[in-house]
Amino acid sequence: MSNTDTAVGFLGGLLLGASAGILVGLLAAPASGQETRRRWRRRVEDEADDLRRKGRRAVEGASERLGEGIEEGQRAVKKALKKE
């Protein structure tokens, strides 16, 4: 069996398996397509909200640390200038 035959067989099996999975998913779906899309949209929106909150907290934390670093640097400069 050549590599081409093996690749064609693999791709054929992959397409057959994907088609069967889609068909079973459509037949076994507990809700209509519209309801399923609405649920997915809510789930994606919830995840996006979570990511926004996490991102906002990360930015706020970095901003605080930056402010503290600037203040510490200013104190160090003032202290160094007083020694001169």
N, C-alpha and C. Protein backbone atom coordinates (compact mmCIF):
# COMPACT_ATOMS: atom_id res chain seq x y z
N MET A 1 0.85 -1.18 0.00
CA MET A 1 0.00 0.00 0.00
C MET A 1 0.89 1.24 0.00
N SER A 2 0.63 2.18 -0.89
CA SER A 2 1.48 3.36 -1.01
C SER A 2 1.05 4.44 -0.02
N ASN A 3 1.90 5.44 0.12
CA ASN A 3 1.60 6.56 1.00
C ASN A 3 0.35 7.30 0.54
N THR A 4 0.15 7.40 -0.78
CA THR A 4 -1.01 8.09 -1.33
C THR A 4 -2.29 7.35 -0.94
N ASP A 5 -2.28 6.02 -1.06
CA ASP A 5 -3.45 5.23 -0.68
C ASP A 5 -3.75 5.39 0.81
N THR A 6 -2.71 5.42 1.61
CA THR A 6 -2.88 5.58 3.05
C THR A 6 -3.47 6.94 3.37
N ALA A 7 -2.98 7.99 2.73
CA ALA A 7 -3.48 9.35 2.96
C ALA A 7 -4.93 9.47 2.52
N VAL A 8 -5.26 8.92 1.36
CA VAL A 8 -6.63 8.97 0.86
C VAL A 8 -7.56 8.21 1.81
N GLY A 9 -7.12 7.07 2.28
CA GLY A 9 -7.91 6.28 3.22
C GLY A 9 -8.14 7.03 4.52
N PHE A 10 -7.09 7.66 5.00
CA PHE A 10 -7.19 8.43 6.25
C PHE A 10 -8.16 9.59 6.08
N LEU A 11 -8.01 10.37 5.00
CA LEU A 11 -8.90 11.51 4.77
C LEU A 11 -10.34 11.06 4.57
N GLY A 12 -10.54 9.95 3.87
CA GLY A 12 -11.89 9.41 3.69
C GLY A 12 -12.51 9.04 5.03
N GLY A 13 -11.75 8.38 5.87
CA GLY A 13 -12.23 8.01 7.20
C GLY A 13 -12.52 9.22 8.06
N LEU A 14 -11.65 10.22 7.94
CA LEU A 14 -11.83 11.46 8.69
C LEU A 14 -13.13 12.15 8.28
N LEU A 15 -13.35 12.26 6.97
CA LEU A 15 -14.58 12.90 6.48
C LEU A 15 -15.82 12.10 6.88
N LEU A 16 -15.74 10.79 6.78
CA LEU A 16 -16.87 9.94 7.16
C LEU A 16 -17.17 10.09 8.66
N GLY A 17 -16.15 10.08 9.46
CA GLY A 17 -16.33 10.23 10.91
C GLY A 17 -16.89 11.60 11.28
N ALA A 18 -16.37 12.66 10.64
CA ALA A 18 -16.87 14.00 10.91
C ALA A 18 -18.33 14.13 10.49
N SER A 19 -18.66 13.59 9.34
CA SER A 19 -20.05 13.63 8.85
C SER A 19 -20.98 12.88 9.80
N ALA A 20 -20.55 11.72 10.25
CA ALA A 20 -21.37 10.93 11.18
C ALA A 20 -21.55 11.69 12.50
N GLY A 21 -20.50 12.31 12.97
CA GLY A 21 -20.58 13.08 14.22
C GLY A 21 -21.55 14.25 14.10
N ILE A 22 -21.48 14.95 12.98
CA ILE A 22 -22.39 16.08 12.77
C ILE A 22 -23.83 15.59 12.71
N LEU A 23 -24.06 14.52 11.98
CA LEU A 23 -25.42 13.96 11.85
C LEU A 23 -25.97 13.53 13.20
N VAL A 24 -25.18 12.82 13.97
CA VAL A 24 -25.62 12.38 15.30
C VAL A 24 -25.88 13.59 16.19
N GLY A 25 -25.01 14.59 16.11
CA GLY A 25 -25.20 15.81 16.90
C GLY A 25 -26.49 16.52 16.56
N LEU A 26 -26.81 16.61 15.29
CA LEU A 26 -28.05 17.27 14.87
C LEU A 26 -29.28 16.48 15.30
N LEU A 27 -29.21 15.15 15.17
CA LEU A 27 -30.35 14.32 15.53
C LEU A 27 -30.57 14.25 17.05
N ALA A 28 -29.49 14.31 17.80
CA ALA A 28 -29.58 14.17 19.25
C ALA A 28 -29.66 15.52 19.97
N ALA A 29 -29.65 16.62 19.24
CA ALA A 29 -29.66 17.94 19.87
C ALA A 29 -30.95 18.12 20.68
N PRO A 30 -30.82 18.50 21.94
CA PRO A 30 -31.99 18.64 22.79
C PRO A 30 -32.79 19.92 22.53
N ALA A 31 -32.24 20.86 21.79
CA ALA A 31 -32.91 22.14 21.56
C ALA A 31 -32.83 22.49 20.08
N SER A 32 -33.65 23.46 19.71
CA SER A 32 -33.63 23.92 18.32
C SER A 32 -32.32 24.64 18.03
N GLY A 33 -32.05 24.85 16.77
CA GLY A 33 -30.83 25.56 16.39
C GLY A 33 -30.80 26.96 16.97
N GLN A 34 -31.94 27.63 16.96
CA GLN A 34 -32.02 29.00 17.49
C GLN A 34 -31.71 29.00 18.99
N GLU A 35 -32.29 28.06 19.72
CA GLU A 35 -32.06 27.97 21.16
C GLU A 35 -30.60 27.63 21.45
N THR A 36 -30.03 26.72 20.67
CA THR A 36 -28.63 26.34 20.86
C THR A 36 -27.72 27.53 20.60
N ARG A 37 -27.98 28.29 19.54
CA ARG A 37 -27.16 29.47 19.25
C ARG A 37 -27.28 30.50 20.37
N ARG A 38 -28.49 30.66 20.92
CA ARG A 38 -28.69 31.61 22.02
C ARG A 38 -27.88 31.18 23.24
N ARG A 39 -27.88 29.88 23.54
CA ARG A 39 -27.11 29.39 24.68
C ARG A 39 -25.61 29.60 24.47
N TRP A 40 -25.14 29.29 23.26
CA TRP A 40 -23.71 29.48 22.96
C TRP A 40 -23.33 30.95 23.05
N ARG A 41 -24.21 31.81 22.53
CA ARG A 41 -23.93 33.25 22.57
C ARG A 41 -23.81 33.71 24.02
N ARG A 42 -24.72 33.26 24.88
CA ARG A 42 -24.65 33.62 26.30
C ARG A 42 -23.36 33.10 26.93
N ARG A 43 -23.01 31.87 26.60
CA ARG A 43 -21.80 31.28 27.17
C ARG A 43 -20.56 32.08 26.73
N VAL A 44 -20.51 32.44 25.45
CA VAL A 44 -19.37 33.21 24.94
C VAL A 44 -19.35 34.59 25.58
N GLU A 45 -20.51 35.22 25.73
CA GLU A 45 -20.57 36.54 26.37
C GLU A 45 -20.12 36.46 27.82
N ASP A 46 -20.54 35.41 28.53
CA ASP A 46 -20.11 35.23 29.92
C ASP A 46 -18.60 35.06 30.01
N GLU A 47 -18.05 34.26 29.11
CA GLU A 47 -16.59 34.07 29.10
C GLU A 47 -15.87 35.38 28.79
N ALA A 48 -16.42 36.14 27.84
CA ALA A 48 -15.81 37.43 27.49
C ALA A 48 -15.86 38.38 28.68
N ASP A 49 -16.99 38.38 29.41
CA ASP A 49 -17.10 39.23 30.60
C ASP A 49 -16.06 38.83 31.64
N ASP A 50 -15.89 37.52 31.84
CA ASP A 50 -14.88 37.05 32.79
C ASP A 50 -13.48 37.50 32.38
N LEU A 51 -13.18 37.38 31.09
CA LEU A 51 -11.86 37.80 30.61
C LEU A 51 -11.67 39.30 30.77
N ARG A 52 -12.73 40.08 30.53
CA ARG A 52 -12.64 41.54 30.72
C ARG A 52 -12.36 41.87 32.17
N ARG A 53 -13.07 41.20 33.09
CA ARG A 53 -12.85 41.45 34.52
C ARG A 53 -11.42 41.08 34.92
N LYS A 54 -10.95 39.93 34.46
CA LYS A 54 -9.59 39.51 34.79
C LYS A 54 -8.57 40.47 34.21
N GLY A 55 -8.80 40.91 32.99
CA GLY A 55 -7.90 41.86 32.35
C GLY A 55 -7.88 43.19 33.08
N ARG A 56 -9.06 43.64 33.48
CA ARG A 56 -9.15 44.91 34.21
C ARG A 56 -8.40 44.82 35.53
N ARG A 57 -8.58 43.69 36.25
CA ARG A 57 -7.87 43.51 37.52
C ARG A 57 -6.35 43.48 37.29
N ALA A 58 -5.93 42.82 36.23
CA ALA A 58 -4.49 42.74 35.94
C ALA A 58 -3.92 44.13 35.64
N VAL A 59 -4.67 44.92 34.87
CA VAL A 59 -4.21 46.26 34.53
C VAL A 59 -4.18 47.14 35.78
N GLU A 60 -5.22 47.03 36.61
CA GLU A 60 -5.25 47.82 37.85
C GLU A 60 -4.09 47.45 38.76
N GLY A 61 -3.81 46.15 38.88
CA GLY A 61 -2.69 45.71 39.71
C GLY A 61 -1.36 46.20 39.18
N ALA A 62 -1.19 46.13 37.88
CA ALA A 62 0.06 46.61 37.27
C ALA A 62 0.19 48.12 37.45
N SER A 63 -0.93 48.82 37.34
CA SER A 63 -0.92 50.27 37.50
C SER A 63 -0.52 50.65 38.93
N GLU A 64 -1.07 49.91 39.90
CA GLU A 64 -0.69 50.17 41.29
C GLU A 64 0.79 49.93 41.51
N ARG A 65 1.27 48.80 41.00
CA ARG A 65 2.70 48.50 41.17
C ARG A 65 3.57 49.54 40.49
N LEU A 66 3.14 50.02 39.33
CA LEU A 66 3.90 51.04 38.62
C LEU A 66 3.94 52.33 39.44
N GLY A 67 2.78 52.71 40.00
CA GLY A 67 2.72 53.91 40.84
C GLY A 67 3.63 53.79 42.05
N GLU A 68 3.62 52.62 42.69
CA GLU A 68 4.49 52.39 43.84
C GLU A 68 5.95 52.46 43.43
N GLY A 69 6.27 51.91 42.27
CA GLY A 69 7.65 51.96 41.79
C GLY A 69 8.09 53.38 41.50
N ILE A 70 7.21 54.17 40.93
CA ILE A 70 7.54 55.58 40.65
C ILE A 70 7.78 56.33 41.95
N GLU A 71 6.89 56.12 42.94
CA GLU A 71 7.07 56.79 44.23
C GLU A 71 8.38 56.38 44.89
N GLU A 72 8.69 55.10 44.83
CA GLU A 72 9.94 54.62 45.42
C GLU A 72 11.14 55.23 44.70
N GLY A 73 11.05 55.32 43.39
CA GLY A 73 12.13 55.94 42.63
C GLY A 73 12.29 57.42 42.97
N GLN A 74 11.18 58.12 43.15
CA GLN A 74 11.25 59.54 43.52
C GLN A 74 11.89 59.71 44.89
N ARG A 75 11.51 58.83 45.83
CA ARG A 75 12.12 58.90 47.17
C ARG A 75 13.62 58.65 47.09
N ALA A 76 14.01 57.68 46.27
CA ALA A 76 15.43 57.36 46.14
C ALA A 76 16.20 58.54 45.54
N VAL A 77 15.60 59.20 44.55
CA VAL A 77 16.26 60.36 43.93
C VAL A 77 16.39 61.49 44.95
N LYS A 78 15.32 61.77 45.69
CA LYS A 78 15.38 62.82 46.72
C LYS A 78 16.44 62.51 47.76
N LYS A 79 16.50 61.26 48.19
CA LYS A 79 17.49 60.86 49.19
C LYS A 79 18.90 61.02 48.63
N ALA A 80 19.10 60.65 47.39
CA ALA A 80 20.42 60.78 46.76
C ALA A 80 20.80 62.24 46.62
N LEU A 81 19.84 63.10 46.31
CA LEU A 81 20.13 64.53 46.15
C LEU A 81 20.47 65.18 47.48
N LYS A 82 19.84 64.71 48.55
CA LYS A 82 20.12 65.27 49.88
C LYS A 82 21.53 64.92 50.34
N LYS A 83 22.07 63.80 49.88
CA LYS A 83 23.41 63.37 50.29
C LYS A 83 24.48 64.23 49.64
N GLU A 84 24.14 64.86 48.53
CA GLU A 84 25.17 65.64 47.81
C GLU A 84 25.49 66.91 48.46
